[in-house]
All heavy atoms as atom14 arrays in JSON, in Angstrom:
{
  "sequence": "SLGSFGHGSKAPFSLSAIRSIFYLTKIKSESKIETRFQGKSILQSHTE",
  "atom14_mask": [
    [1, 1, 1, 1, 1, 1, 0, 0, 0, 0, 0, 0, 0, 0],
    [1, 1, 1, 1, 1, 1, 1, 1, 0, 0, 0, 0, 0, 0],
    [1, 1, 1, 1, 0, 0, 0, 0, 0, 0, 0, 0, 0, 0],
    [1, 1, 1, 1, 1, 1, 0, 0, 0, 0, 0, 0, 0, 0],
    [1, 1, 1, 1, 1, 1, 1, 1, 1, 1, 1, 0, 0, 0],
    [1, 1, 1, 1, 0, 0, 0, 0, 0, 0, 0, 0, 0, 0],
    [1, 1, 1, 1, 1, 1, 1, 1, 1, 1, 0, 0, 0, 0],
    [1, 1, 1, 1, 0, 0, 0, 0, 0, 0, 0, 0, 0, 0],
    [1, 1, 1, 1, 1, 1, 0, 0, 0, 0, 0, 0, 0, 0],
    [1, 1, 1, 1, 1, 1, 1, 1, 1, 0, 0, 0, 0, 0],
    [1, 1, 1, 1, 1, 0, 0, 0, 0, 0, 0, 0, 0, 0],
    [1, 1, 1, 1, 1, 1, 1, 0, 0, 0, 0, 0, 0, 0],
    [1, 1, 1, 1, 1, 1, 1, 1, 1, 1, 1, 0, 0, 0],
    [1, 1, 1, 1, 1, 1, 0, 0, 0, 0, 0, 0, 0, 0],
    [1, 1, 1, 1, 1, 1, 1, 1, 0, 0, 0, 0, 0, 0],
    [1, 1, 1, 1, 1, 1, 0, 0, 0, 0, 0, 0, 0, 0],
    [1, 1, 1, 1, 1, 0, 0, 0, 0, 0, 0, 0, 0, 0],
    [1, 1, 1, 1, 1, 1, 1, 1, 0, 0, 0, 0, 0, 0],
    [1, 1, 1, 1, 1, 1, 1, 1, 1, 1, 1, 0, 0, 0],
    [1, 1, 1, 1, 1, 1, 0, 0, 0, 0, 0, 0, 0, 0],
    [1, 1, 1, 1, 1, 1, 1, 1, 0, 0, 0, 0, 0, 0],
    [1, 1, 1, 1, 1, 1, 1, 1, 1, 1, 1, 0, 0, 0],
    [1, 1, 1, 1, 1, 1, 1, 1, 1, 1, 1, 1, 0, 0],
    [1, 1, 1, 1, 1, 1, 1, 1, 0, 0, 0, 0, 0, 0],
    [1, 1, 1, 1, 1, 1, 1, 0, 0, 0, 0, 0, 0, 0],
    [1, 1, 1, 1, 1, 1, 1, 1, 1, 0, 0, 0, 0, 0],
    [1, 1, 1, 1, 1, 1, 1, 1, 0, 0, 0, 0, 0, 0],
    [1, 1, 1, 1, 1, 1, 1, 1, 1, 0, 0, 0, 0, 0],
    [1, 1, 1, 1, 1, 1, 0, 0, 0, 0, 0, 0, 0, 0],
    [1, 1, 1, 1, 1, 1, 1, 1, 1, 0, 0, 0, 0, 0],
    [1, 1, 1, 1, 1, 1, 0, 0, 0, 0, 0, 0, 0, 0],
    [1, 1, 1, 1, 1, 1, 1, 1, 1, 0, 0, 0, 0, 0],
    [1, 1, 1, 1, 1, 1, 1, 1, 0, 0, 0, 0, 0, 0],
    [1, 1, 1, 1, 1, 1, 1, 1, 1, 0, 0, 0, 0, 0],
    [1, 1, 1, 1, 1, 1, 1, 0, 0, 0, 0, 0, 0, 0],
    [1, 1, 1, 1, 1, 1, 1, 1, 1, 1, 1, 0, 0, 0],
    [1, 1, 1, 1, 1, 1, 1, 1, 1, 1, 1, 0, 0, 0],
    [1, 1, 1, 1, 1, 1, 1, 1, 1, 0, 0, 0, 0, 0],
    [1, 1, 1, 1, 0, 0, 0, 0, 0, 0, 0, 0, 0, 0],
    [1, 1, 1, 1, 1, 1, 1, 1, 1, 0, 0, 0, 0, 0],
    [1, 1, 1, 1, 1, 1, 0, 0, 0, 0, 0, 0, 0, 0],
    [1, 1, 1, 1, 1, 1, 1, 1, 0, 0, 0, 0, 0, 0],
    [1, 1, 1, 1, 1, 1, 1, 1, 0, 0, 0, 0, 0, 0],
    [1, 1, 1, 1, 1, 1, 1, 1, 1, 0, 0, 0, 0, 0],
    [1, 1, 1, 1, 1, 1, 0, 0, 0, 0, 0, 0, 0, 0],
    [1, 1, 1, 1, 1, 1, 1, 1, 1, 1, 0, 0, 0, 0],
    [1, 1, 1, 1, 1, 1, 1, 0, 0, 0, 0, 0, 0, 0],
    [1, 1, 1, 1, 1, 1, 1, 1, 1, 0, 0, 0, 0, 0]
  ],
  "atom14_positions": [
    [[0.84, -1.19, 0.0], [0.0, 0.0, 0.0], [0.88, 1.25, 0.0], [2.02, 1.23, 0.45], [-0.91, 0.01, 1.24], [-1.78, -1.1, 1.22], [0.0, 0.0, 0.0], [0.0, 0.0, 0.0], [0.0, 0.0, 0.0], [0.0, 0.0, 0.0], [0.0, 0.0, 0.0], [0.0, 0.0, 0.0], [0.0, 0.0, 0.0], [0.0, 0.0, 0.0]],
    [[0.3, 2.36, -0.45], [1.06, 3.61, -0.53], [1.38, 4.16, 0.85], [2.4, 4.78, 1.07], [0.27, 4.64, -1.34], [0.07, 4.29, -2.82], [-0.86, 5.28, -3.48], [1.42, 4.26, -3.54], [0.0, 0.0, 0.0], [0.0, 0.0, 0.0], [0.0, 0.0, 0.0], [0.0, 0.0, 0.0], [0.0, 0.0, 0.0], [0.0, 0.0, 0.0]],
    [[0.48, 3.98, 1.78], [0.72, 4.43, 3.15], [0.44, 3.3, 4.1], [-0.65, 2.77, 4.12], [0.0, 0.0, 0.0], [0.0, 0.0, 0.0], [0.0, 0.0, 0.0], [0.0, 0.0, 0.0], [0.0, 0.0, 0.0], [0.0, 0.0, 0.0], [0.0, 0.0, 0.0], [0.0, 0.0, 0.0], [0.0, 0.0, 0.0], [0.0, 0.0, 0.0]],
    [[1.41, 2.89, 4.9], [1.19, 1.69, 5.71], [1.83, 1.73, 7.09], [2.05, 0.71, 7.71], [1.71, 0.46, 4.97], [3.1, 0.62, 4.68], [0.0, 0.0, 0.0], [0.0, 0.0, 0.0], [0.0, 0.0, 0.0], [0.0, 0.0, 0.0], [0.0, 0.0, 0.0], [0.0, 0.0, 0.0], [0.0, 0.0, 0.0], [0.0, 0.0, 0.0]],
    [[2.14, 2.94, 7.6], [2.78, 3.03, 8.91], [1.84, 3.52, 10.0], [2.21, 3.57, 11.16], [4.01, 3.94, 8.83], [5.09, 3.37, 7.96], [5.27, 3.84, 6.67], [5.91, 2.35, 8.4], [6.26, 3.32, 5.86], [6.9, 1.82, 7.59], [7.07, 2.3, 6.31], [0.0, 0.0, 0.0], [0.0, 0.0, 0.0], [0.0, 0.0, 0.0]],
    [[0.62, 3.93, 9.64], [-0.35, 4.33, 10.64], [-0.21, 5.74, 11.16], [-0.91, 6.15, 12.07], [0.0, 0.0, 0.0], [0.0, 0.0, 0.0], [0.0, 0.0, 0.0], [0.0, 0.0, 0.0], [0.0, 0.0, 0.0], [0.0, 0.0, 0.0], [0.0, 0.0, 0.0], [0.0, 0.0, 0.0], [0.0, 0.0, 0.0], [0.0, 0.0, 0.0]],
    [[0.7, 6.56, 10.57], [0.9, 7.92, 11.06], [0.16, 8.95, 10.2], [-0.1, 10.06, 10.66], [2.39, 8.27, 11.06], [3.21, 7.34, 11.89], [2.89, 7.03, 13.19], [4.34, 6.64, 11.6], [3.79, 6.19, 13.67], [4.66, 5.93, 12.73], [0.0, 0.0, 0.0], [0.0, 0.0, 0.0], [0.0, 0.0, 0.0], [0.0, 0.0, 0.0]],
    [[-0.16, 8.61, 8.97], [-0.76, 9.57, 8.05], [-2.1, 10.11, 8.5], [-2.49, 11.21, 8.11], [0.0, 0.0, 0.0], [0.0, 0.0, 0.0], [0.0, 0.0, 0.0], [0.0, 0.0, 0.0], [0.0, 0.0, 0.0], [0.0, 0.0, 0.0], [0.0, 0.0, 0.0], [0.0, 0.0, 0.0], [0.0, 0.0, 0.0], [0.0, 0.0, 0.0]],
    [[-2.81, 9.35, 9.34], [-4.12, 9.81, 9.81], [-4.01, 11.06, 10.66], [-5.0, 11.77, 10.88], [-4.81, 8.7, 10.62], [-4.06, 8.39, 11.79], [0.0, 0.0, 0.0], [0.0, 0.0, 0.0], [0.0, 0.0, 0.0], [0.0, 0.0, 0.0], [0.0, 0.0, 0.0], [0.0, 0.0, 0.0], [0.0, 0.0, 0.0], [0.0, 0.0, 0.0]],
    [[-2.79, 11.37, 11.15], [-2.61, 12.57, 11.98], [-2.39, 13.83, 11.15], [-2.44, 14.94, 11.68], [-1.41, 12.36, 12.92], [-1.57, 11.25, 13.94], [-2.55, 11.61, 15.03], [-2.61, 10.56, 16.14], [-1.41, 10.54, 16.99], [0.0, 0.0, 0.0], [0.0, 0.0, 0.0], [0.0, 0.0, 0.0], [0.0, 0.0, 0.0], [0.0, 0.0, 0.0]],
    [[-2.11, 13.68, 9.85], [-1.81, 14.85, 9.02], [-2.92, 15.9, 9.03], [-2.64, 17.1, 9.17], [-1.5, 14.42, 7.58], [0.0, 0.0, 0.0], [0.0, 0.0, 0.0], [0.0, 0.0, 0.0], [0.0, 0.0, 0.0], [0.0, 0.0, 0.0], [0.0, 0.0, 0.0], [0.0, 0.0, 0.0], [0.0, 0.0, 0.0], [0.0, 0.0, 0.0]],
    [[-4.21, 15.52, 8.92], [-5.26, 16.55, 8.94], [-5.32, 17.34, 10.24], [-5.69, 18.51, 10.24], [-6.54, 15.74, 8.72], [-6.09, 14.5, 8.01], [-4.76, 14.19, 8.61], [0.0, 0.0, 0.0], [0.0, 0.0, 0.0], [0.0, 0.0, 0.0], [0.0, 0.0, 0.0], [0.0, 0.0, 0.0], [0.0, 0.0, 0.0], [0.0, 0.0, 0.0]],
    [[-4.94, 16.72, 11.36], [-5.0, 17.42, 12.64], [-4.01, 18.57, 12.69], [-4.23, 19.56, 13.4], [-4.74, 16.44, 13.79], [-5.85, 15.45, 14.0], [-5.81, 14.2, 13.4], [-6.93, 15.76, 14.79], [-6.83, 13.29, 13.58], [-7.96, 14.86, 14.99], [-7.92, 13.61, 14.38], [0.0, 0.0, 0.0], [0.0, 0.0, 0.0], [0.0, 0.0, 0.0]],
    [[-2.91, 18.46, 11.94], [-1.91, 19.53, 11.95], [-2.43, 20.79, 11.28], [-1.9, 21.88, 11.49], [-0.63, 19.06, 11.24], [-0.83, 18.93, 9.84], [0.0, 0.0, 0.0], [0.0, 0.0, 0.0], [0.0, 0.0, 0.0], [0.0, 0.0, 0.0], [0.0, 0.0, 0.0], [0.0, 0.0, 0.0], [0.0, 0.0, 0.0], [0.0, 0.0, 0.0]],
    [[-3.48, 20.66, 10.47], [-4.04, 21.8, 9.74], [-5.28, 22.37, 10.42], [-5.81, 23.39, 10.01], [-4.37, 21.38, 8.31], [-4.49, 22.46, 7.25], [-3.16, 23.18, 7.05], [-4.96, 21.88, 5.93], [0.0, 0.0, 0.0], [0.0, 0.0, 0.0], [0.0, 0.0, 0.0], [0.0, 0.0, 0.0], [0.0, 0.0, 0.0], [0.0, 0.0, 0.0]],
    [[-5.76, 21.71, 11.45], [-7.01, 22.12, 12.1], [-6.75, 23.11, 13.22], [-5.91, 22.88, 14.09], [-7.73, 20.89, 12.66], [-8.82, 21.29, 13.49], [0.0, 0.0, 0.0], [0.0, 0.0, 0.0], [0.0, 0.0, 0.0], [0.0, 0.0, 0.0], [0.0, 0.0, 0.0], [0.0, 0.0, 0.0], [0.0, 0.0, 0.0], [0.0, 0.0, 0.0]],
    [[-7.5, 24.19, 13.23], [-7.36, 25.22, 14.28], [-7.96, 24.77, 15.6], [-7.75, 25.41, 16.63], [-8.02, 26.52, 13.84], [0.0, 0.0, 0.0], [0.0, 0.0, 0.0], [0.0, 0.0, 0.0], [0.0, 0.0, 0.0], [0.0, 0.0, 0.0], [0.0, 0.0, 0.0], [0.0, 0.0, 0.0], [0.0, 0.0, 0.0], [0.0, 0.0, 0.0]],
    [[-8.73, 23.67, 15.59], [-9.28, 23.13, 16.84], [-8.88, 21.66, 17.02], [-9.5, 20.94, 17.8], [-10.81, 23.3, 16.92], [-11.51, 22.61, 15.74], [-11.2, 24.77, 16.97], [-13.04, 22.6, 15.86], [0.0, 0.0, 0.0], [0.0, 0.0, 0.0], [0.0, 0.0, 0.0], [0.0, 0.0, 0.0], [0.0, 0.0, 0.0], [0.0, 0.0, 0.0]],
    [[-7.88, 21.22, 16.26], [-7.34, 19.85, 16.37], [-8.44, 18.8, 16.31], [-8.44, 17.82, 17.06], [-6.57, 19.69, 17.67], [-5.16, 20.26, 17.67], [-4.12, 19.13, 17.58], [-2.81, 19.61, 17.97], [-2.04, 19.03, 18.87], [-2.41, 17.93, 19.46], [-0.86, 19.52, 19.16], [0.0, 0.0, 0.0], [0.0, 0.0, 0.0], [0.0, 0.0, 0.0]],
    [[-9.39, 18.99, 15.4], [-10.55, 18.09, 15.35], [-10.9, 17.75, 13.91], [-10.82, 18.6, 13.01], [-11.76, 18.74, 16.03], [-11.45, 19.05, 17.38], [0.0, 0.0, 0.0], [0.0, 0.0, 0.0], [0.0, 0.0, 0.0], [0.0, 0.0, 0.0], [0.0, 0.0, 0.0], [0.0, 0.0, 0.0], [0.0, 0.0, 0.0], [0.0, 0.0, 0.0]],
    [[-11.3, 16.5, 13.71], [-11.69, 15.99, 12.4], [-13.04, 15.28, 12.55], [-13.33, 14.66, 13.57], [-10.65, 14.97, 11.88], [-9.25, 15.59, 11.85], [-11.04, 14.46, 10.49], [-9.09, 16.72, 10.88], [0.0, 0.0, 0.0], [0.0, 0.0, 0.0], [0.0, 0.0, 0.0], [0.0, 0.0, 0.0], [0.0, 0.0, 0.0], [0.0, 0.0, 0.0]],
    [[-13.86, 15.36, 11.5], [-15.13, 14.64, 11.49], [-15.13, 13.69, 10.29], [-14.85, 14.09, 9.17], [-16.3, 15.61, 11.41], [-16.36, 16.54, 12.59], [-15.79, 17.8, 12.52], [-16.95, 16.14, 13.78], [-15.81, 18.66, 13.61], [-16.98, 16.98, 14.88], [-16.41, 18.24, 14.8], [0.0, 0.0, 0.0], [0.0, 0.0, 0.0], [0.0, 0.0, 0.0]],
    [[-15.44, 12.43, 10.57], [-15.43, 11.39, 9.53], [-16.86, 10.99, 9.19], [-17.67, 10.72, 10.08], [-14.69, 10.15, 10.03], [-13.27, 10.39, 10.47], [-12.94, 10.49, 11.82], [-12.23, 10.5, 9.53], [-11.63, 10.72, 12.23], [-10.92, 10.72, 9.93], [-10.64, 10.83, 11.29], [-9.34, 11.06, 11.7], [0.0, 0.0, 0.0], [0.0, 0.0, 0.0]],
    [[-17.16, 10.96, 7.9], [-18.45, 10.48, 7.41], [-18.17, 9.48, 6.3], [-17.45, 9.78, 5.35], [-19.3, 11.62, 6.86], [-20.61, 11.24, 6.17], [-21.59, 10.63, 7.17], [-21.24, 12.46, 5.51], [0.0, 0.0, 0.0], [0.0, 0.0, 0.0], [0.0, 0.0, 0.0], [0.0, 0.0, 0.0], [0.0, 0.0, 0.0], [0.0, 0.0, 0.0]],
    [[-18.7, 8.28, 6.43], [-18.45, 7.26, 5.42], [-19.71, 6.45, 5.18], [-20.57, 6.33, 6.06], [-17.3, 6.33, 5.87], [-16.93, 5.48, 4.77], [-17.7, 5.47, 7.05], [0.0, 0.0, 0.0], [0.0, 0.0, 0.0], [0.0, 0.0, 0.0], [0.0, 0.0, 0.0], [0.0, 0.0, 0.0], [0.0, 0.0, 0.0], [0.0, 0.0, 0.0]],
    [[-19.82, 5.92, 3.98], [-20.91, 5.0, 3.64], [-20.29, 3.71, 3.13], [-19.43, 3.74, 2.24], [-21.82, 5.61, 2.57], [-22.6, 6.82, 3.06], [-23.58, 7.34, 2.01], [-24.38, 8.51, 2.54], [-25.38, 9.0, 1.54], [0.0, 0.0, 0.0], [0.0, 0.0, 0.0], [0.0, 0.0, 0.0], [0.0, 0.0, 0.0], [0.0, 0.0, 0.0]],
    [[-20.71, 2.59, 3.7], [-20.15, 1.3, 3.32], [-21.28, 0.32, 3.02], [-22.41, 0.5, 3.47], [-19.25, 0.71, 4.44], [-20.08, 0.43, 5.69], [-18.1, 1.66, 4.74], [-19.32, -0.32, 6.77], [0.0, 0.0, 0.0], [0.0, 0.0, 0.0], [0.0, 0.0, 0.0], [0.0, 0.0, 0.0], [0.0, 0.0, 0.0], [0.0, 0.0, 0.0]],
    [[-20.93, -0.71, 2.27], [-21.89, -1.77, 2.0], [-21.92, -2.72, 3.18], [-20.9, -3.26, 3.58], [-21.52, -2.53, 0.73], [-21.69, -1.72, -0.55], [-21.35, -2.54, -1.78], [-21.55, -1.72, -3.06], [-21.2, -2.51, -4.27], [0.0, 0.0, 0.0], [0.0, 0.0, 0.0], [0.0, 0.0, 0.0], [0.0, 0.0, 0.0], [0.0, 0.0, 0.0]],
    [[-23.09, -2.91, 3.76], [-23.25, -3.81, 4.9], [-24.37, -4.78, 4.57], [-25.56, -4.41, 4.58], [-23.59, -3.01, 6.16], [-23.79, -3.85, 7.26], [0.0, 0.0, 0.0], [0.0, 0.0, 0.0], [0.0, 0.0, 0.0], [0.0, 0.0, 0.0], [0.0, 0.0, 0.0], [0.0, 0.0, 0.0], [0.0, 0.0, 0.0], [0.0, 0.0, 0.0]],
    [[-23.99, -6.0, 4.24], [-24.95, -7.01, 3.77], [-25.67, -6.47, 2.54], [-25.06, -6.19, 1.54], [-25.89, -7.4, 4.91], [-25.17, -8.03, 6.09], [-26.09, -8.36, 7.24], [-27.27, -7.95, 7.22], [-25.64, -9.05, 8.17], [0.0, 0.0, 0.0], [0.0, 0.0, 0.0], [0.0, 0.0, 0.0], [0.0, 0.0, 0.0], [0.0, 0.0, 0.0]],
    [[-26.97, -6.26, 2.62], [-27.72, -5.82, 1.42], [-28.09, -4.35, 1.48], [-28.91, -3.88, 0.69], [-28.99, -6.66, 1.28], [-29.81, -6.52, 2.44], [0.0, 0.0, 0.0], [0.0, 0.0, 0.0], [0.0, 0.0, 0.0], [0.0, 0.0, 0.0], [0.0, 0.0, 0.0], [0.0, 0.0, 0.0], [0.0, 0.0, 0.0], [0.0, 0.0, 0.0]],
    [[-27.5, -3.61, 2.42], [-27.86, -2.2, 2.56], [-26.61, -1.33, 2.66], [-25.5, -1.83, 2.74], [-28.74, -1.99, 3.8], [-28.03, -2.37, 5.09], [-28.93, -2.15, 6.3], [-28.19, -2.5, 7.6], [-29.04, -2.29, 8.79], [0.0, 0.0, 0.0], [0.0, 0.0, 0.0], [0.0, 0.0, 0.0], [0.0, 0.0, 0.0], [0.0, 0.0, 0.0]],
    [[-26.82, -0.03, 2.62], [-25.75, 0.93, 2.78], [-25.78, 1.45, 4.22], [-26.8, 1.94, 4.7], [-25.89, 2.11, 1.8], [-25.85, 1.6, 0.35], [-24.79, 3.13, 2.04], [-24.55, 0.95, -0.04], [0.0, 0.0, 0.0], [0.0, 0.0, 0.0], [0.0, 0.0, 0.0], [0.0, 0.0, 0.0], [0.0, 0.0, 0.0], [0.0, 0.0, 0.0]],
    [[-24.65, 1.32, 4.91], [-24.54, 1.79, 6.29], [-23.78, 3.11, 6.32], [-22.74, 3.25, 5.69], [-23.8, 0.75, 7.14], [-23.56, 1.18, 8.58], [-22.71, 0.18, 9.35], [-22.69, -1.01, 8.96], [-22.08, 0.59, 10.34], [0.0, 0.0, 0.0], [0.0, 0.0, 0.0], [0.0, 0.0, 0.0], [0.0, 0.0, 0.0], [0.0, 0.0, 0.0]],
    [[-24.33, 4.09, 7.04], [-23.68, 5.39, 7.18], [-23.07, 5.51, 8.57], [-23.72, 5.2, 9.56], [-24.7, 6.53, 6.97], [-25.25, 6.43, 5.66], [-24.03, 7.89, 7.11], [0.0, 0.0, 0.0], [0.0, 0.0, 0.0], [0.0, 0.0, 0.0], [0.0, 0.0, 0.0], [0.0, 0.0, 0.0], [0.0, 0.0, 0.0], [0.0, 0.0, 0.0]],
    [[-21.83, 5.97, 8.62], [-21.14, 6.14, 9.9], [-20.63, 7.57, 10.01], [-20.12, 8.12, 9.04], [-19.94, 5.18, 10.0], [-20.32, 3.71, 9.99], [-19.08, 2.83, 9.97], [-19.41, 1.41, 10.14], [-18.51, 0.43, 10.2], [-17.22, 0.73, 10.08], [-18.89, -0.82, 10.36], [0.0, 0.0, 0.0], [0.0, 0.0, 0.0], [0.0, 0.0, 0.0]],
    [[-20.75, 8.14, 11.2], [-20.24, 9.49, 11.45], [-19.58, 9.52, 12.82], [-20.12, 8.97, 13.79], [-21.38, 10.51, 11.41], [-20.93, 11.91, 11.77], [-20.3, 12.71, 10.83], [-21.16, 12.43, 13.04], [-19.88, 13.99, 11.16], [-20.74, 13.7, 13.38], [-20.11, 14.49, 12.43], [0.0, 0.0, 0.0], [0.0, 0.0, 0.0], [0.0, 0.0, 0.0]],
    [[-18.41, 10.16, 12.92], [-17.68, 10.23, 14.18], [-16.78, 11.45, 14.18], [-16.11, 11.75, 13.18], [-16.82, 8.99, 14.38], [-15.99, 8.97, 15.66], [-16.69, 8.26, 16.79], [-16.88, 7.07, 16.75], [-17.09, 9.02, 17.8], [0.0, 0.0, 0.0], [0.0, 0.0, 0.0], [0.0, 0.0, 0.0], [0.0, 0.0, 0.0], [0.0, 0.0, 0.0]],
    [[-16.76, 12.17, 15.28], [-15.82, 13.26, 15.46], [-14.65, 12.79, 16.32], [-14.82, 11.93, 17.19], [0.0, 0.0, 0.0], [0.0, 0.0, 0.0], [0.0, 0.0, 0.0], [0.0, 0.0, 0.0], [0.0, 0.0, 0.0], [0.0, 0.0, 0.0], [0.0, 0.0, 0.0], [0.0, 0.0, 0.0], [0.0, 0.0, 0.0], [0.0, 0.0, 0.0]],
    [[-13.47, 13.33, 16.07], [-12.29, 12.97, 16.85], [-11.47, 14.23, 17.1], [-11.21, 15.01, 16.18], [-11.44, 11.95, 16.09], [-10.2, 11.47, 16.83], [-9.47, 10.4, 16.03], [-8.23, 9.87, 16.73], [-7.57, 8.81, 15.93], [0.0, 0.0, 0.0], [0.0, 0.0, 0.0], [0.0, 0.0, 0.0], [0.0, 0.0, 0.0], [0.0, 0.0, 0.0]],
    [[-11.07, 14.44, 18.35], [-10.31, 15.62, 18.72], [-9.08, 15.2, 19.52], [-9.19, 14.45, 20.48], [-11.18, 16.56, 19.56], [-10.49, 17.76, 19.87], [0.0, 0.0, 0.0], [0.0, 0.0, 0.0], [0.0, 0.0, 0.0], [0.0, 0.0, 0.0], [0.0, 0.0, 0.0], [0.0, 0.0, 0.0], [0.0, 0.0, 0.0], [0.0, 0.0, 0.0]],
    [[-7.91, 15.66, 19.09], [-6.66, 15.35, 19.79], [-6.19, 16.63, 20.48], [-5.57, 17.5, 19.84], [-5.59, 14.81, 18.83], [-6.11, 13.55, 18.11], [-4.31, 14.47, 19.59], [-5.14, 12.97, 17.1], [0.0, 0.0, 0.0], [0.0, 0.0, 0.0], [0.0, 0.0, 0.0], [0.0, 0.0, 0.0], [0.0, 0.0, 0.0], [0.0, 0.0, 0.0]],
    [[-6.48, 16.78, 21.74], [-6.1, 17.96, 22.5], [-5.02, 17.59, 23.52], [-3.88, 17.42, 23.18], [-7.34, 18.56, 23.19], [-8.48, 18.98, 22.25], [-9.66, 19.51, 23.04], [-8.01, 19.99, 21.23], [0.0, 0.0, 0.0], [0.0, 0.0, 0.0], [0.0, 0.0, 0.0], [0.0, 0.0, 0.0], [0.0, 0.0, 0.0], [0.0, 0.0, 0.0]],
    [[-5.41, 17.45, 24.79], [-4.49, 17.0, 25.83], [-5.33, 16.62, 27.04], [-6.52, 16.91, 27.1], [-3.5, 18.09, 26.19], [-4.09, 19.29, 26.91], [-3.04, 20.32, 27.23], [-2.69, 21.15, 26.4], [-2.52, 20.28, 28.46], [0.0, 0.0, 0.0], [0.0, 0.0, 0.0], [0.0, 0.0, 0.0], [0.0, 0.0, 0.0], [0.0, 0.0, 0.0]],
    [[-4.72, 15.95, 27.99], [-5.44, 15.59, 29.2], [-5.89, 16.86, 29.92], [-5.15, 17.85, 29.98], [-4.55, 14.76, 30.12], [-4.25, 13.5, 29.55], [0.0, 0.0, 0.0], [0.0, 0.0, 0.0], [0.0, 0.0, 0.0], [0.0, 0.0, 0.0], [0.0, 0.0, 0.0], [0.0, 0.0, 0.0], [0.0, 0.0, 0.0], [0.0, 0.0, 0.0]],
    [[-7.1, 16.82, 30.46], [-7.64, 17.99, 31.16], [-8.68, 17.52, 32.17], [-9.02, 16.34, 32.23], [-8.25, 18.97, 30.15], [-9.33, 18.39, 29.28], [-9.04, 17.65, 28.14], [-10.69, 18.4, 29.37], [-10.17, 17.26, 27.57], [-11.18, 17.7, 28.31], [0.0, 0.0, 0.0], [0.0, 0.0, 0.0], [0.0, 0.0, 0.0], [0.0, 0.0, 0.0]],
    [[-9.19, 18.44, 32.93], [-10.21, 18.1, 33.93], [-11.56, 18.01, 33.24], [-12.02, 18.99, 32.63], [-10.26, 19.16, 35.04], [-8.99, 19.22, 35.68], [-11.32, 18.78, 36.07], [0.0, 0.0, 0.0], [0.0, 0.0, 0.0], [0.0, 0.0, 0.0], [0.0, 0.0, 0.0], [0.0, 0.0, 0.0], [0.0, 0.0, 0.0], [0.0, 0.0, 0.0]],
    [[-12.19, 16.88, 33.32], [-13.5, 16.67, 32.68], [-14.51, 17.61, 33.33], [-14.67, 17.61, 34.56], [-13.92, 15.21, 32.85], [-14.82, 14.67, 31.76], [-16.26, 15.09, 31.94], [-16.71, 15.18, 33.1], [-16.94, 15.32, 30.94], [0.0, 0.0, 0.0], [0.0, 0.0, 0.0], [0.0, 0.0, 0.0], [0.0, 0.0, 0.0], [0.0, 0.0, 0.0]]
  ]
}
């Protein structure tokens, strides 16, 4: 594969002003199309 070290997924975070990415994907699941959405933010440990 062109990218296979697992680090490339961090590249978009370097360009984000809030260190956050939102993923939206549609995949084939059995006989239907499944939609998935997830936000991910890489900040730092803090008080919840």
